[in-house]
PDB file of all heavy atoms in Angstrom:
ATOM      1  N   SER A   1       6.567  64.230 -31.946  1.00  0.00           N
ATOM      2  CA  SER A   1       5.127  64.594 -32.463  1.00  0.00           C
ATOM      3  C   SER A   1       4.486  65.482 -31.487  1.00  0.00           C
ATOM      4  O   SER A   1       3.779  66.467 -31.912  1.00  0.00           O
ATOM      5  CB  SER A   1       4.389  63.242 -32.570  1.00  0.00           C
ATOM      6  OG  SER A   1       4.985  62.367 -33.515  1.00  0.00           O
ATOM      7  N   SER A   2       4.654  65.334 -30.215  1.00  0.00           N
ATOM      8  CA  SER A   2       3.974  66.192 -29.146  1.00  0.00           C
ATOM      9  C   SER A   2       4.605  67.554 -29.304  1.00  0.00           C
ATOM     10  O   SER A   2       3.853  68.575 -29.095  1.00  0.00           O
ATOM     11  CB  SER A   2       4.010  65.534 -27.783  1.00  0.00           C
ATOM     12  OG  SER A   2       5.354  65.276 -27.407  1.00  0.00           O
ATOM     13  N   LEU A   3       5.874  67.588 -29.375  1.00  0.00           N
ATOM     14  CA  LEU A   3       6.529  68.944 -29.500  1.00  0.00           C
ATOM     15  C   LEU A   3       6.093  69.758 -30.757  1.00  0.00           C
ATOM     16  O   LEU A   3       5.927  70.926 -30.794  1.00  0.00           O
ATOM     17  CB  LEU A   3       8.155  68.809 -29.534  1.00  0.00           C
ATOM     18  CG  LEU A   3       8.719  68.441 -28.195  1.00  0.00           C
ATOM     19  CD1 LEU A   3      10.230  68.016 -28.272  1.00  0.00           C
ATOM     20  CD2 LEU A   3       8.723  69.631 -27.124  1.00  0.00           C
ATOM     21  N   MET A   4       5.825  68.977 -31.842  1.00  0.00           N
ATOM     22  CA  MET A   4       5.291  69.589 -33.023  1.00  0.00           C
ATOM     23  C   MET A   4       4.014  70.134 -32.828  1.00  0.00           C
ATOM     24  O   MET A   4       3.601  71.253 -33.312  1.00  0.00           O
ATOM     25  CB  MET A   4       5.393  68.499 -34.229  1.00  0.00           C
ATOM     26  CG  MET A   4       4.979  69.048 -35.546  1.00  0.00           C
ATOM     27  SD  MET A   4       5.167  67.869 -36.872  1.00  0.00           S
ATOM     28  CE  MET A   4       4.252  66.489 -36.396  1.00  0.00           C
ATOM     29  N   VAL A   5       3.067  69.402 -32.143  1.00  0.00           N
ATOM     30  CA  VAL A   5       1.781  69.912 -31.763  1.00  0.00           C
ATOM     31  C   VAL A   5       1.850  71.204 -31.033  1.00  0.00           C
ATOM     32  O   VAL A   5       1.142  72.116 -31.313  1.00  0.00           O
ATOM     33  CB  VAL A   5       0.964  68.872 -31.057  1.00  0.00           C
ATOM     34  CG1 VAL A   5      -0.301  69.433 -30.507  1.00  0.00           C
ATOM     35  CG2 VAL A   5       0.691  67.666 -31.924  1.00  0.00           C
ATOM     36  N   VAL A   6       2.761  71.265 -30.007  1.00  0.00           N
ATOM     37  CA  VAL A   6       2.963  72.391 -29.162  1.00  0.00           C
ATOM     38  C   VAL A   6       3.409  73.562 -29.946  1.00  0.00           C
ATOM     39  O   VAL A   6       2.984  74.671 -29.801  1.00  0.00           O
ATOM     40  CB  VAL A   6       3.842  72.073 -27.893  1.00  0.00           C
ATOM     41  CG1 VAL A   6       4.233  73.346 -27.198  1.00  0.00           C
ATOM     42  CG2 VAL A   6       3.225  71.135 -26.929  1.00  0.00           C
ATOM     43  N   ASP A   7       4.367  73.271 -30.791  1.00  0.00           N
ATOM     44  CA  ASP A   7       5.050  74.335 -31.565  1.00  0.00           C
ATOM     45  C   ASP A   7       4.084  75.043 -32.594  1.00  0.00           C
ATOM     46  O   ASP A   7       4.312  76.170 -32.914  1.00  0.00           O
ATOM     47  CB  ASP A   7       6.269  73.678 -32.309  1.00  0.00           C
ATOM     48  CG  ASP A   7       7.277  74.729 -32.740  1.00  0.00           C
ATOM     49  OD1 ASP A   7       7.400  75.797 -32.084  1.00  0.00           O
ATOM     50  OD2 ASP A   7       7.992  74.512 -33.781  1.00  0.00           O
ATOM     51  N   HIS A   8       3.030  74.216 -33.066  1.00  0.00           N
ATOM     52  CA  HIS A   8       2.150  74.664 -34.095  1.00  0.00           C
ATOM     53  C   HIS A   8       0.852  75.231 -33.551  1.00  0.00           C
ATOM     54  O   HIS A   8      -0.060  75.412 -34.317  1.00  0.00           O
ATOM     55  CB  HIS A   8       1.954  73.743 -35.252  1.00  0.00           C
ATOM     56  CG  HIS A   8       3.199  73.566 -36.047  1.00  0.00           C
ATOM     57  ND1 HIS A   8       4.266  72.693 -35.686  1.00  0.00           N
ATOM     58  CD2 HIS A   8       3.612  74.012 -37.235  1.00  0.00           C
ATOM     59  CE1 HIS A   8       5.152  72.641 -36.544  1.00  0.00           C
ATOM     60  NE2 HIS A   8       4.752  73.477 -37.614  1.00  0.00           N
ATOM     61  N   SER A   9       0.728  75.138 -32.152  1.00  0.00           N
ATOM     62  CA  SER A   9      -0.552  75.464 -31.561  1.00  0.00           C
ATOM     63  C   SER A   9      -0.542  76.967 -31.024  1.00  0.00           C
ATOM     64  O   SER A   9       0.560  77.336 -30.547  1.00  0.00           O
ATOM     65  CB  SER A   9      -0.906  74.548 -30.436  1.00  0.00           C
ATOM     66  OG  SER A   9      -2.134  74.972 -29.779  1.00  0.00           O
ATOM     67  N   GLU A  10      -1.585  77.663 -31.299  1.00  0.00           N
ATOM     68  CA  GLU A  10      -1.542  79.141 -30.725  1.00  0.00           C
ATOM     69  C   GLU A  10      -1.849  79.195 -29.340  1.00  0.00           C
ATOM     70  O   GLU A  10      -1.662  80.172 -28.584  1.00  0.00           O
ATOM     71  CB  GLU A  10      -2.534  79.960 -31.597  1.00  0.00           C
ATOM     72  CG  GLU A  10      -2.206  80.010 -33.011  1.00  0.00           C
ATOM     73  CD  GLU A  10      -3.149  80.822 -33.886  1.00  0.00           C
ATOM     74  OE1 GLU A  10      -4.116  81.309 -33.276  1.00  0.00           O
ATOM     75  OE2 GLU A  10      -2.941  81.064 -35.061  1.00  0.00           O
ATOM     76  N   LYS A  11      -2.525  78.150 -28.744  1.00  0.00           N
ATOM     77  CA  LYS A  11      -2.840  78.178 -27.310  1.00  0.00           C
ATOM     78  C   LYS A  11      -2.145  76.990 -26.608  1.00  0.00           C
ATOM     79  O   LYS A  11      -1.790  75.980 -27.236  1.00  0.00           O
ATOM     80  CB  LYS A  11      -4.307  78.079 -27.143  1.00  0.00           C
ATOM     81  CG  LYS A  11      -4.996  76.948 -27.748  1.00  0.00           C
ATOM     82  CD  LYS A  11      -6.542  76.943 -27.456  1.00  0.00           C
ATOM     83  CE  LYS A  11      -7.249  75.691 -28.006  1.00  0.00           C
ATOM     84  NZ  LYS A  11      -8.660  75.828 -27.750  1.00  0.00           N
ATOM     85  N   GLN A  12      -2.053  77.073 -25.188  1.00  0.00           N
ATOM     86  CA  GLN A  12      -1.453  76.075 -24.532  1.00  0.00           C
ATOM     87  C   GLN A  12      -2.373  74.849 -24.501  1.00  0.00           C
ATOM     88  O   GLN A  12      -3.562  74.904 -24.082  1.00  0.00           O
ATOM     89  CB  GLN A  12      -1.200  76.545 -23.171  1.00  0.00           C
ATOM     90  CG  GLN A  12      -0.226  75.703 -22.338  1.00  0.00           C
ATOM     91  CD  GLN A  12       0.174  76.241 -21.023  1.00  0.00           C
ATOM     92  OE1 GLN A  12      -0.743  76.438 -20.210  1.00  0.00           O
ATOM     93  NE2 GLN A  12       1.306  76.436 -20.667  1.00  0.00           N
ATOM     94  N   LEU A  13      -1.790  73.692 -24.899  1.00  0.00           N
ATOM     95  CA  LEU A  13      -2.548  72.431 -24.827  1.00  0.00           C
ATOM     96  C   LEU A  13      -1.945  71.573 -23.707  1.00  0.00           C
ATOM     97  O   LEU A  13      -0.910  71.007 -23.817  1.00  0.00           O
ATOM     98  CB  LEU A  13      -2.424  71.629 -26.190  1.00  0.00           C
ATOM     99  CG  LEU A  13      -2.967  72.465 -27.381  1.00  0.00           C
ATOM    100  CD1 LEU A  13      -2.661  71.643 -28.651  1.00  0.00           C
ATOM    101  CD2 LEU A  13      -4.530  72.613 -27.325  1.00  0.00           C
ATOM    102  N   MET A  14      -2.766  71.372 -22.688  1.00  0.00           N
ATOM    103  CA  MET A  14      -2.274  70.603 -21.413  1.00  0.00           C
ATOM    104  C   MET A  14      -1.838  69.158 -21.809  1.00  0.00           C
ATOM    105  O   MET A  14      -0.878  68.629 -21.355  1.00  0.00           O
ATOM    106  CB  MET A  14      -3.238  70.802 -20.279  1.00  0.00           C
ATOM    107  CG  MET A  14      -2.699  70.103 -19.123  1.00  0.00           C
ATOM    108  SD  MET A  14      -1.156  70.713 -18.483  1.00  0.00           S
ATOM    109  CE  MET A  14      -1.588  72.489 -18.096  1.00  0.00           C
ATOM    110  N   TRP A  15      -2.727  68.558 -22.682  1.00  0.00           N
ATOM    111  CA  TRP A  15      -2.471  67.231 -23.078  1.00  0.00           C
ATOM    112  C   TRP A  15      -1.200  66.990 -23.697  1.00  0.00           C
ATOM    113  O   TRP A  15      -0.480  65.986 -23.537  1.00  0.00           O
ATOM    114  CB  TRP A  15      -3.656  66.583 -23.785  1.00  0.00           C
ATOM    115  CG  TRP A  15      -3.720  67.157 -25.177  1.00  0.00           C
ATOM    116  CD1 TRP A  15      -4.646  68.199 -25.589  1.00  0.00           C
ATOM    117  CD2 TRP A  15      -3.137  66.664 -26.360  1.00  0.00           C
ATOM    118  NE1 TRP A  15      -4.411  68.460 -26.942  1.00  0.00           N
ATOM    119  CE2 TRP A  15      -3.588  67.570 -27.500  1.00  0.00           C
ATOM    120  CE3 TRP A  15      -2.136  65.714 -26.626  1.00  0.00           C
ATOM    121  CZ2 TRP A  15      -3.104  67.346 -28.714  1.00  0.00           C
ATOM    122  CZ3 TRP A  15      -1.737  65.477 -27.884  1.00  0.00           C
ATOM    123  CH2 TRP A  15      -2.179  66.401 -29.025  1.00  0.00           C
ATOM    124  N   ALA A  16      -0.876  67.938 -24.575  1.00  0.00           N
ATOM    125  CA  ALA A  16       0.427  67.829 -25.316  1.00  0.00           C
ATOM    126  C   ALA A  16       1.648  68.052 -24.407  1.00  0.00           C
ATOM    127  O   ALA A  16       2.623  67.413 -24.576  1.00  0.00           O
ATOM    128  CB  ALA A  16       0.531  69.043 -26.453  1.00  0.00           C
ATOM    129  N   ILE A  17       1.506  69.016 -23.431  1.00  0.00           N
ATOM    130  CA  ILE A  17       2.544  69.282 -22.379  1.00  0.00           C
ATOM    131  C   ILE A  17       2.818  67.977 -21.638  1.00  0.00           C
ATOM    132  O   ILE A  17       3.943  67.453 -21.432  1.00  0.00           O
ATOM    133  CB  ILE A  17       2.180  70.374 -21.542  1.00  0.00           C
ATOM    134  CG1 ILE A  17       2.123  71.696 -22.380  1.00  0.00           C
ATOM    135  CG2 ILE A  17       3.282  70.464 -20.379  1.00  0.00           C
ATOM    136  CD1 ILE A  17       1.694  72.802 -21.523  1.00  0.00           C
ATOM    137  N   VAL A  18       1.643  67.283 -21.178  1.00  0.00           N
ATOM    138  CA  VAL A  18       1.804  66.093 -20.443  1.00  0.00           C
ATOM    139  C   VAL A  18       2.397  64.980 -21.344  1.00  0.00           C
ATOM    140  O   VAL A  18       3.272  64.184 -20.763  1.00  0.00           O
ATOM    141  CB  VAL A  18       0.384  65.581 -19.960  1.00  0.00           C
ATOM    142  CG1 VAL A  18       0.489  64.243 -19.203  1.00  0.00           C
ATOM    143  CG2 VAL A  18      -0.129  66.669 -18.844  1.00  0.00           C
ATOM    144  N   LEU A  19       2.030  64.898 -22.532  1.00  0.00           N
ATOM    145  CA  LEU A  19       2.550  63.872 -23.369  1.00  0.00           C
ATOM    146  C   LEU A  19       4.117  64.033 -23.623  1.00  0.00           C
ATOM    147  O   LEU A  19       4.838  63.127 -23.676  1.00  0.00           O
ATOM    148  CB  LEU A  19       1.816  63.834 -24.783  1.00  0.00           C
ATOM    149  CG  LEU A  19       2.185  62.724 -25.766  1.00  0.00           C
ATOM    150  CD1 LEU A  19       1.927  61.474 -25.179  1.00  0.00           C
ATOM    151  CD2 LEU A  19       1.449  63.021 -27.140  1.00  0.00           C
ATOM    152  N   CYS A  20       4.455  65.289 -23.710  1.00  0.00           N
ATOM    153  CA  CYS A  20       5.901  65.560 -23.785  1.00  0.00           C
ATOM    154  C   CYS A  20       6.750  65.064 -22.673  1.00  0.00           C
ATOM    155  O   CYS A  20       7.739  64.383 -22.739  1.00  0.00           O
ATOM    156  CB  CYS A  20       6.233  67.053 -23.943  1.00  0.00           C
ATOM    157  SG  CYS A  20       5.738  67.785 -25.549  1.00  0.00           S
ATOM    158  N   VAL A  21       6.204  65.284 -21.482  1.00  0.00           N
ATOM    159  CA  VAL A  21       6.873  64.872 -20.229  1.00  0.00           C
ATOM    160  C   VAL A  21       6.805  63.365 -20.141  1.00  0.00           C
ATOM    161  O   VAL A  21       7.868  62.684 -19.895  1.00  0.00           O
ATOM    162  CB  VAL A  21       6.155  65.450 -18.901  1.00  0.00           C
ATOM    163  CG1 VAL A  21       6.847  64.848 -17.618  1.00  0.00           C
ATOM    164  CG2 VAL A  21       6.308  66.994 -19.045  1.00  0.00           C
ATOM    165  N   VAL A  22       5.736  62.719 -20.553  1.00  0.00           N
ATOM    166  CA  VAL A  22       5.647  61.214 -20.343  1.00  0.00           C
ATOM    167  C   VAL A  22       6.526  60.605 -21.451  1.00  0.00           C
ATOM    168  O   VAL A  22       7.236  59.650 -21.130  1.00  0.00           O
ATOM    169  CB  VAL A  22       4.118  60.910 -20.791  1.00  0.00           C
ATOM    170  CG1 VAL A  22       3.955  59.326 -20.909  1.00  0.00           C
ATOM    171  CG2 VAL A  22       3.205  61.223 -19.577  1.00  0.00           C
ATOM    172  N   MET A  23       6.587  61.152 -22.702  1.00  0.00           N
ATOM    173  CA  MET A  23       7.498  60.584 -23.646  1.00  0.00           C
ATOM    174  C   MET A  23       8.933  60.725 -23.158  1.00  0.00           C
ATOM    175  O   MET A  23       9.784  59.805 -23.473  1.00  0.00           O
ATOM    176  CB  MET A  23       7.222  61.204 -25.009  1.00  0.00           C
ATOM    177  CG  MET A  23       5.918  60.801 -25.652  1.00  0.00           C
ATOM    178  SD  MET A  23       5.886  59.051 -26.080  1.00  0.00           S
ATOM    179  CE  MET A  23       4.760  58.375 -24.803  1.00  0.00           C
ATOM    180  N   THR A  24       9.322  61.783 -22.639  1.00  0.00           N
ATOM    181  CA  THR A  24      10.703  62.006 -22.184  1.00  0.00           C
ATOM    182  C   THR A  24      11.051  60.988 -21.055  1.00  0.00           C
ATOM    183  O   THR A  24      12.095  60.422 -21.111  1.00  0.00           O
ATOM    184  CB  THR A  24      10.872  63.556 -21.609  1.00  0.00           C
ATOM    185  OG1 THR A  24      10.481  64.424 -22.633  1.00  0.00           O
ATOM    186  CG2 THR A  24      12.291  63.627 -21.094  1.00  0.00           C
ATOM    187  N   LEU A  25      10.077  60.754 -20.140  1.00  0.00           N
ATOM    188  CA  LEU A  25      10.304  59.763 -19.060  1.00  0.00           C
ATOM    189  C   LEU A  25      10.493  58.332 -19.644  1.00  0.00           C
ATOM    190  O   LEU A  25      11.275  57.554 -19.270  1.00  0.00           O
ATOM    191  CB  LEU A  25       9.162  59.851 -18.071  1.00  0.00           C
ATOM    192  CG  LEU A  25       8.994  61.185 -17.248  1.00  0.00           C
ATOM    193  CD1 LEU A  25       7.828  61.036 -16.284  1.00  0.00           C
ATOM    194  CD2 LEU A  25      10.347  61.446 -16.470  1.00  0.00           C
ATOM    195  N   LEU A  26       9.513  58.103 -20.655  1.00  0.00           N
ATOM    196  CA  LEU A  26       9.567  56.791 -21.357  1.00  0.00           C
ATOM    197  C   LEU A  26      10.975  56.583 -22.101  1.00  0.00           C
ATOM    198  O   LEU A  26      11.517  55.429 -21.993  1.00  0.00           O
ATOM    199  CB  LEU A  26       8.485  56.586 -22.254  1.00  0.00           C
ATOM    200  CG  LEU A  26       8.346  55.307 -23.019  1.00  0.00           C
ATOM    201  CD1 LEU A  26       8.204  54.085 -22.173  1.00  0.00           C
ATOM    202  CD2 LEU A  26       7.231  55.338 -24.101  1.00  0.00           C
ATOM    203  N   PHE A  27      11.270  57.733 -22.650  1.00  0.00           N
ATOM    204  CA  PHE A  27      12.643  57.537 -23.534  1.00  0.00           C
ATOM    205  C   PHE A  27      13.880  57.230 -22.484  1.00  0.00           C
ATOM    206  O   PHE A  27      14.633  56.309 -22.818  1.00  0.00           O
ATOM    207  CB  PHE A  27      12.961  58.848 -24.189  1.00  0.00           C
ATOM    208  CG  PHE A  27      14.305  58.963 -24.863  1.00  0.00           C
ATOM    209  CD1 PHE A  27      14.512  58.205 -25.922  1.00  0.00           C
ATOM    210  CD2 PHE A  27      15.241  59.863 -24.321  1.00  0.00           C
ATOM    211  CE1 PHE A  27      15.782  58.238 -26.496  1.00  0.00           C
ATOM    212  CE2 PHE A  27      16.468  60.014 -24.920  1.00  0.00           C
ATOM    213  CZ  PHE A  27      16.775  59.171 -26.021  1.00  0.00           C
ATOM    214  N   VAL A  28      13.947  57.994 -21.413  1.00  0.00           N
ATOM    215  CA  VAL A  28      15.122  57.734 -20.509  1.00  0.00           C
ATOM    216  C   VAL A  28      14.847  56.319 -19.719  1.00  0.00           C
ATOM    217  O   VAL A  28      15.907  55.622 -19.567  1.00  0.00           O
ATOM    218  CB  VAL A  28      15.262  58.868 -19.441  1.00  0.00           C
ATOM    219  CG1 VAL A  28      15.547  60.090 -20.156  1.00  0.00           C
ATOM    220  CG2 VAL A  28      14.121  59.007 -18.524  1.00  0.00           C
ATOM    221  N   ALA A  29      13.643  55.952 -19.534  1.00  0.00           N
ATOM    222  CA  ALA A  29      13.437  54.666 -18.929  1.00  0.00           C
ATOM    223  C   ALA A  29      13.828  53.520 -19.889  1.00  0.00           C
ATOM    224  O   ALA A  29      14.504  52.452 -19.526  1.00  0.00           O
ATOM    225  CB  ALA A  29      12.048  54.484 -18.540  1.00  0.00           C
ATOM    226  N   SER A  30      13.453  53.654 -21.152  1.00  0.00           N
ATOM    227  CA  SER A  30      13.849  52.570 -22.222  1.00  0.00           C
ATOM    228  C   SER A  30      15.352  52.606 -22.379  1.00  0.00           C
ATOM    229  O   SER A  30      15.832  51.543 -22.469  1.00  0.00           O
ATOM    230  CB  SER A  30      13.151  53.009 -23.590  1.00  0.00           C
ATOM    231  OG  SER A  30      11.792  53.010 -23.425  1.00  0.00           O
ATOM    232  N   PHE A  31      16.024  53.756 -22.292  1.00  0.00           N
ATOM    233  CA  PHE A  31      17.432  53.715 -22.477  1.00  0.00           C
ATOM    234  C   PHE A  31      18.059  53.062 -21.273  1.00  0.00           C
ATOM    235  O   PHE A  31      19.074  52.127 -21.484  1.00  0.00           O
ATOM    236  CB  PHE A  31      17.923  55.108 -22.535  1.00  0.00           C
ATOM    237  CG  PHE A  31      19.377  55.359 -22.496  1.00  0.00           C
ATOM    238  CD1 PHE A  31      20.168  55.283 -23.735  1.00  0.00           C
ATOM    239  CD2 PHE A  31      20.131  55.525 -21.395  1.00  0.00           C
ATOM    240  CE1 PHE A  31      21.484  55.513 -23.779  1.00  0.00           C
ATOM    241  CE2 PHE A  31      21.539  55.721 -21.228  1.00  0.00           C
ATOM    242  CZ  PHE A  31      22.255  55.637 -22.459  1.00  0.00           C
ATOM    243  N   SER A  32      17.581  53.351 -20.052  1.00  0.00           N
ATOM    244  CA  SER A  32      18.262  52.670 -18.837  1.00  0.00           C
ATOM    245  C   SER A  32      17.963  51.278 -18.636  1.00  0.00           C
ATOM    246  O   SER A  32      18.814  50.632 -18.023  1.00  0.00           O
ATOM    247  CB  SER A  32      17.703  53.573 -17.577  1.00  0.00           C
ATOM    248  OG  SER A  32      18.199  54.804 -17.558  1.00  0.00           O
ATOM    249  N   ILE A  33      16.924  50.772 -19.154  1.00  0.00           N
ATOM    250  CA  ILE A  33      16.634  49.333 -18.929  1.00  0.00           C
ATOM    251  C   ILE A  33      17.483  48.466 -19.893  1.00  0.00           C
ATOM    252  O   ILE A  33      17.446  47.160 -19.600  1.00  0.00           O
ATOM    253  CB  ILE A  33      15.065  49.008 -19.071  1.00  0.00           C
ATOM    254  CG1 ILE A  33      14.718  47.887 -18.288  1.00  0.00           C
ATOM    255  CG2 ILE A  33      14.783  48.861 -20.552  1.00  0.00           C
ATOM    256  CD1 ILE A  33      13.223  47.652 -18.155  1.00  0.00           C
ATOM    257  N   GLY A  34      18.237  48.947 -20.795  1.00  0.00           N
ATOM    258  CA  GLY A  34      18.932  48.113 -21.737  1.00  0.00           C
ATOM    259  C   GLY A  34      20.136  48.793 -22.239  1.00  0.00           C
ATOM    260  O   GLY A  34      21.352  48.515 -22.006  1.00  0.00           O
ATOM    261  N   PHE A  35      19.852  49.769 -23.212  1.00  0.00           N
ATOM    262  CA  PHE A  35      20.910  50.449 -23.970  1.00  0.00           C
ATOM    263  C   PHE A  35      22.063  51.010 -23.036  1.00  0.00           C
ATOM    264  O   PHE A  35      23.238  50.856 -23.300  1.00  0.00           O
ATOM    265  CB  PHE A  35      20.374  51.376 -24.837  1.00  0.00           C
ATOM    266  CG  PHE A  35      21.240  51.796 -26.037  1.00  0.00           C
ATOM    267  CD1 PHE A  35      20.820  52.725 -27.012  1.00  0.00           C
ATOM    268  CD2 PHE A  35      22.521  51.207 -26.225  1.00  0.00           C
ATOM    269  CE1 PHE A  35      21.638  53.006 -28.202  1.00  0.00           C
ATOM    270  CE2 PHE A  35      23.269  51.501 -27.326  1.00  0.00           C
ATOM    271  CZ  PHE A  35      22.788  52.511 -28.374  1.00  0.00           C
ATOM    272  N   GLY A  36      21.635  51.680 -21.961  1.00  0.00           N
ATOM    273  CA  GLY A  36      22.620  52.413 -21.102  1.00  0.00           C
ATOM    274  C   GLY A  36      23.572  51.438 -20.624  1.00  0.00           C
ATOM    275  O   GLY A  36      24.773  51.644 -20.751  1.00  0.00           O
ATOM    276  N   PRO A  37      23.134  50.447 -19.685  1.00  0.00           N
ATOM    277  CA  PRO A  37      24.090  49.657 -19.104  1.00  0.00           C
ATOM    278  C   PRO A  37      24.782  48.556 -20.075  1.00  0.00           C
ATOM    279  O   PRO A  37      25.993  48.263 -19.964  1.00  0.00           O
ATOM    280  CB  PRO A  37      23.303  48.764 -18.030  1.00  0.00           C
ATOM    281  CG  PRO A  37      21.990  48.862 -18.603  1.00  0.00           C
ATOM    282  CD  PRO A  37      21.755  50.158 -19.172  1.00  0.00           C
ATOM    283  N   ILE A  38      24.074  48.153 -21.133  1.00  0.00           N
ATOM    284  CA  ILE A  38      24.652  47.132 -22.029  1.00  0.00           C
ATOM    285  C   ILE A  38      25.879  47.664 -22.754  1.00  0.00           C
ATOM    286  O   ILE A  38      26.755  46.880 -22.973  1.00  0.00           O
ATOM    287  CB  ILE A  38      23.603  46.583 -22.943  1.00  0.00           C
ATOM    288  CG1 ILE A  38      22.582  45.756 -22.150  1.00  0.00           C
ATOM    289  CG2 ILE A  38      24.163  45.809 -24.121  1.00  0.00           C
ATOM    290  CD1 ILE A  38      21.395  45.161 -22.991  1.00  0.00           C
ATOM    291  N   ALA A  39      25.964  48.906 -23.071  1.00  0.00           N
ATOM    292  CA  ALA A  39      27.019  49.422 -23.794  1.00  0.00           C
ATOM    293  C   ALA A  39      28.293  49.280 -23.040  1.00  0.00           C
ATOM    294  O   ALA A  39      29.357  48.865 -23.549  1.00  0.00           O
ATOM    295  CB  ALA A  39      26.807  50.950 -24.064  1.00  0.00           C
ATOM    296  N   TRP A  40      28.200  49.515 -21.713  1.00  0.00           N
ATOM    297  CA  TRP A  40      29.380  49.280 -20.823  1.00  0.00           C
ATOM    298  C   TRP A  40      29.666  47.926 -20.467  1.00  0.00           C
ATOM    299  O   TRP A  40      30.856  47.482 -20.450  1.00  0.00           O
ATOM    300  CB  TRP A  40      29.179  50.097 -19.629  1.00  0.00           C
ATOM    301  CG  TRP A  40      29.007  51.593 -19.775  1.00  0.00           C
ATOM    302  CD1 TRP A  40      27.685  52.180 -19.831  1.00  0.00           C
ATOM    303  CD2 TRP A  40      29.856  52.463 -20.263  1.00  0.00           C
ATOM    304  NE1 TRP A  40      27.869  53.565 -20.198  1.00  0.00           N
ATOM    305  CE2 TRP A  40      29.243  53.750 -20.500  1.00  0.00           C
ATOM    306  CE3 TRP A  40      31.256  52.496 -20.598  1.00  0.00           C
ATOM    307  CZ2 TRP A  40      29.768  54.895 -21.050  1.00  0.00           C
ATOM    308  CZ3 TRP A  40      31.853  53.654 -21.103  1.00  0.00           C
ATOM    309  CH2 TRP A  40      31.159  54.895 -21.319  1.00  0.00           C
ATOM    310  N   VAL A  41      28.579  47.014 -20.281  1.00  0.00           N
ATOM    311  CA  VAL A  41      28.869  45.639 -20.002  1.00  0.00           C
ATOM    312  C   VAL A  41      29.438  44.979 -21.256  1.00  0.00           C
ATOM    313  O   VAL A  41      30.503  44.337 -21.107  1.00  0.00           O
ATOM    314  CB  VAL A  41      27.466  44.991 -19.602  1.00  0.00           C
ATOM    315  CG1 VAL A  41      27.686  43.495 -19.493  1.00  0.00           C
ATOM    316  CG2 VAL A  41      26.988  45.481 -18.328  1.00  0.00           C
ATOM    317  N   TYR A  42      28.724  45.080 -22.433  1.00  0.00           N
ATOM    318  CA  TYR A  42      29.151  44.410 -23.533  1.00  0.00           C
ATOM    319  C   TYR A  42      30.563  44.951 -24.089  1.00  0.00           C
ATOM    320  O   TYR A  42      31.521  44.134 -24.464  1.00  0.00           O
ATOM    321  CB  TYR A  42      28.232  44.743 -24.697  1.00  0.00           C
ATOM    322  CG  TYR A  42      28.115  43.693 -25.721  1.00  0.00           C
ATOM    323  CD1 TYR A  42      27.321  42.602 -25.714  1.00  0.00           C
ATOM    324  CD2 TYR A  42      28.965  43.838 -26.857  1.00  0.00           C
ATOM    325  CE1 TYR A  42      27.206  41.698 -26.719  1.00  0.00           C
ATOM    326  CE2 TYR A  42      28.816  42.979 -27.962  1.00  0.00           C
ATOM    327  CZ  TYR A  42      27.959  41.864 -27.980  1.00  0.00           C
ATOM    328  OH  TYR A  42      27.950  40.942 -28.934  1.00  0.00           O
ATOM    329  N   GLY A  43      30.791  46.255 -24.046  1.00  0.00           N
ATOM    330  CA  GLY A  43      31.991  46.832 -24.554  1.00  0.00           C
ATOM    331  C   GLY A  43      33.170  46.486 -23.750  1.00  0.00           C
ATOM    332  O   GLY A  43      34.329  46.386 -24.224  1.00  0.00           O
TER     333      GLY A  43
END
């Protein structure tokens, strides 16, 4: 959603850039706290 806002905006939106970075960090954090290690443990 934040990348869509950036892609369709004619000017630079700092809040959208920050949201992109935050969502990326949240994504890798969510992956690492469960999905990442559990695939190898469980498998």
